Amino acid sequence: MSNLHTREAIVDQPILRLLIQEKVADGRLPHAHIPRIWGGPGKGETCDGCGETVTKAQTLMENLDTAGRGVQFHVACFYVWDVARRTYGQCDRSGPLPSLASRAT
């Protein structure tokens, strides 16, 4: 499978989207745009989006958010986060976002 197809498969995973949306909603991931982001080979960092390791064979996207917190993502997780943060607050916020923990039962 090509890298493009692998990335598309990751981005299309509903659990990944829900996980990142939940992290944006509860503040574990920033809501604001990050003006500059750097990319390079991973060195075993933990992706703030999915929680998995970014290997040397993968590209790490990283920088500081507006609050000065470091954020690190796989490329696909970065794109999922970017969509989640752009759409945050646009949906009906009348109730809490269902957590992934409640879905496991």
C-alpha atoms as a PDB file:
ATOM      1  CA  MET A   1       0.000   0.000   0.000  1.00  0.00           C
ATOM      2  CA  SER A   2       1.424   3.427  -0.897  1.00  0.00           C
ATOM      3  CA  ASN A   3       2.059   6.131   1.707  1.00  0.00           C
ATOM      4  CA  LEU A   4      -0.815   8.169   0.235  1.00  0.00           C
ATOM      5  CA  HIS A   5      -3.268   5.302   0.676  1.00  0.00           C
ATOM      6  CA  THR A   6      -1.947   4.625   4.179  1.00  0.00           C
ATOM      7  CA  ARG A   7      -2.455   8.286   5.177  1.00  0.00           C
ATOM      8  CA  GLU A   8      -5.957   8.323   3.680  1.00  0.00           C
ATOM      9  CA  ALA A   9      -6.837   5.169   5.613  1.00  0.00           C
ATOM     10  CA  ILE A  10      -5.604   6.726   8.871  1.00  0.00           C
ATOM     11  CA  VAL A  11      -7.512   9.981   8.323  1.00  0.00           C
ATOM     12  CA  ASP A  12     -10.692   8.050   7.504  1.00  0.00           C
ATOM     13  CA  GLN A  13     -10.606   6.103  10.776  1.00  0.00           C
ATOM     14  CA  PRO A  14     -13.637   7.282  12.772  1.00  0.00           C
ATOM     15  CA  ILE A  15     -12.015   6.427  16.132  1.00  0.00           C
ATOM     16  CA  LEU A  16      -9.026   8.651  15.338  1.00  0.00           C
ATOM     17  CA  ARG A  17     -11.305  11.533  14.384  1.00  0.00           C
ATOM     18  CA  LEU A  18     -13.359  11.086  17.569  1.00  0.00           C
ATOM     19  CA  LEU A  19     -10.244  10.865  19.747  1.00  0.00           C
ATOM     20  CA  ILE A  20      -8.777  14.062  18.312  1.00  0.00           C
ATOM     21  CA  GLN A  21     -12.149  15.867  18.446  1.00  0.00           C
ATOM     22  CA  GLU A  22     -12.437  14.905  22.117  1.00  0.00           C
ATOM     23  CA  LYS A  23      -8.916  16.195  22.829  1.00  0.00           C
ATOM     24  CA  VAL A  24      -9.728  19.503  21.125  1.00  0.00           C
ATOM     25  CA  ALA A  25     -13.014  19.794  23.043  1.00  0.00           C
ATOM     26  CA  ASP A  26     -11.453  19.178  26.459  1.00  0.00           C
ATOM     27  CA  GLY A  27      -8.354  21.304  25.846  1.00  0.00           C
ATOM     28  CA  ARG A  28      -5.720  18.588  25.555  1.00  0.00           C
ATOM     29  CA  LEU A  29      -5.148  19.820  21.993  1.00  0.00           C
ATOM     30  CA  PRO A  30      -5.253  23.486  21.006  1.00  0.00           C
ATOM     31  CA  HIS A  31      -8.271  25.118  19.345  1.00  0.00           C
ATOM     32  CA  ALA A  32      -6.231  27.909  17.779  1.00  0.00           C
ATOM     33  CA  HIS A  33      -4.290  27.862  14.537  1.00  0.00           C
ATOM     34  CA  ILE A  34      -0.555  27.248  14.890  1.00  0.00           C
ATOM     35  CA  PRO A  35       1.078  29.811  12.574  1.00  0.00           C
ATOM     36  CA  ARG A  36       4.184  27.741  11.841  1.00  0.00           C
ATOM     37  CA  ILE A  37       4.713  24.033  12.070  1.00  0.00           C
ATOM     38  CA  TRP A  38       7.904  22.131  11.344  1.00  0.00           C
ATOM     39  CA  GLY A  39       8.269  18.661   9.882  1.00  0.00           C
ATOM     40  CA  GLY A  40      11.038  16.125  10.009  1.00  0.00           C
ATOM     41  CA  PRO A  41      11.755  12.492  10.704  1.00  0.00           C
ATOM     42  CA  GLY A  42      10.381  11.106  13.928  1.00  0.00           C
ATOM     43  CA  LYS A  43      12.702  10.072  16.741  1.00  0.00           C
ATOM     44  CA  GLY A  44      10.327   8.085  18.907  1.00  0.00           C
ATOM     45  CA  GLU A  45       8.152  11.015  20.039  1.00  0.00           C
ATOM     46  CA  THR A  46       4.566  10.396  21.125  1.00  0.00           C
ATOM     47  CA  CYS A  47       1.922  11.842  18.818  1.00  0.00           C
ATOM     48  CA  ASP A  48      -0.378  14.181  20.738  1.00  0.00           C
ATOM     49  CA  GLY A  49      -3.215  13.219  18.403  1.00  0.00           C
ATOM     50  CA  CYS A  50      -3.305   9.428  18.539  1.00  0.00           C
ATOM     51  CA  GLY A  51      -0.878   8.676  21.367  1.00  0.00           C
ATOM     52  CA  GLU A  52       1.249   6.362  19.214  1.00  0.00           C
ATOM     53  CA  THR A  53       5.003   6.624  18.607  1.00  0.00           C
ATOM     54  CA  VAL A  54       6.271   8.577  15.595  1.00  0.00           C
ATOM     55  CA  THR A  55       8.988   6.340  14.164  1.00  0.00           C
ATOM     56  CA  LYS A  56      12.081   7.321  12.184  1.00  0.00           C
ATOM     57  CA  ALA A  57      10.290   6.149   9.027  1.00  0.00           C
ATOM     58  CA  GLN A  58       7.437   8.613   9.698  1.00  0.00           C
ATOM     59  CA  THR A  59       7.319  12.404   9.533  1.00  0.00           C
ATOM     60  CA  LEU A  60       6.772  14.366  12.736  1.00  0.00           C
ATOM     61  CA  MET A  61       4.892  17.683  12.605  1.00  0.00           C
ATOM     62  CA  GLU A  62       5.677  19.874  15.616  1.00  0.00           C
ATOM     63  CA  ASN A  63       5.808  23.344  17.112  1.00  0.00           C
ATOM     64  CA  LEU A  64       4.427  25.407  19.984  1.00  0.00           C
ATOM     65  CA  ASP A  65       0.770  26.354  20.233  1.00  0.00           C
ATOM     66  CA  THR A  66      -0.299  29.894  21.146  1.00  0.00           C
ATOM     67  CA  ALA A  67      -0.058  29.019  24.866  1.00  0.00           C
ATOM     68  CA  GLY A  68       3.558  27.890  24.422  1.00  0.00           C
ATOM     69  CA  ARG A  69       2.813  24.169  24.778  1.00  0.00           C
ATOM     70  CA  GLY A  70       4.701  21.832  22.471  1.00  0.00           C
ATOM     71  CA  VAL A  71       2.517  19.819  20.110  1.00  0.00           C
ATOM     72  CA  GLN A  72       3.639  16.857  18.018  1.00  0.00           C
ATOM     73  CA  PHE A  73       1.690  14.894  15.421  1.00  0.00           C
ATOM     74  CA  HIS A  74       1.963  12.260  12.747  1.00  0.00           C
ATOM     75  CA  VAL A  75       1.211  13.976   9.425  1.00  0.00           C
ATOM     76  CA  ALA A  76      -2.223  12.318   9.185  1.00  0.00           C
ATOM     77  CA  CYS A  77      -3.054  13.210  12.805  1.00  0.00           C
ATOM     78  CA  PHE A  78      -2.042  16.811  12.119  1.00  0.00           C
ATOM     79  CA  TYR A  79      -4.560  16.996   9.268  1.00  0.00           C
ATOM     80  CA  VAL A  80      -7.303  15.418  11.391  1.00  0.00           C
ATOM     81  CA  TRP A  81      -6.507  17.896  14.219  1.00  0.00           C
ATOM     82  CA  ASP A  82      -6.567  20.839  11.794  1.00  0.00           C
ATOM     83  CA  VAL A  83     -10.088  19.917  10.626  1.00  0.00           C
ATOM     84  CA  ALA A  84     -11.246  19.247  14.211  1.00  0.00           C
ATOM     85  CA  ARG A  85      -9.982  22.583  15.520  1.00  0.00           C
ATOM     86  CA  ARG A  86     -11.480  24.488  12.569  1.00  0.00           C
ATOM     87  CA  THR A  87     -14.892  22.919  13.136  1.00  0.00           C
ATOM     88  CA  TYR A  88     -14.752  23.046  16.958  1.00  0.00           C
ATOM     89  CA  GLY A  89     -17.744  24.957  18.273  1.00  0.00           C
ATOM     90  CA  GLN A  90     -19.653  24.803  14.981  1.00  0.00           C
ATOM     91  CA  CYS A  91     -21.766  21.825  16.028  1.00  0.00           C
ATOM     92  CA  ASP A  92     -24.571  21.804  18.589  1.00  0.00           C
ATOM     93  CA  ARG A  93     -22.831  22.042  21.960  1.00  0.00           C
ATOM     94  CA  SER A  94     -26.019  21.471  23.997  1.00  0.00           C
ATOM     95  CA  GLY A  95     -24.554  18.380  25.557  1.00  0.00           C
ATOM     96  CA  PRO A  96     -21.115  16.970  26.304  1.00  0.00           C
ATOM     97  CA  LEU A  97     -19.179  15.194  23.603  1.00  0.00           C
ATOM     98  CA  PRO A  98     -19.507  11.449  24.241  1.00  0.00           C
ATOM     99  CA  SER A  99     -16.191  10.132  25.467  1.00  0.00           C
ATOM    100  CA  LEU A 100     -14.411   7.226  23.850  1.00  0.00           C
ATOM    101  CA  ALA A 101     -14.329   5.462  27.230  1.00  0.00           C
ATOM    102  CA  SER A 102     -18.122   5.294  27.249  1.00  0.00           C
ATOM    103  CA  ARG A 103     -18.079   3.740  23.771  1.00  0.00           C
ATOM    104  CA  ALA A 104     -15.877   0.864  24.911  1.00  0.00           C
ATOM    105  CA  THR A 105     -18.563  -0.590  27.157  1.00  0.00           C
END
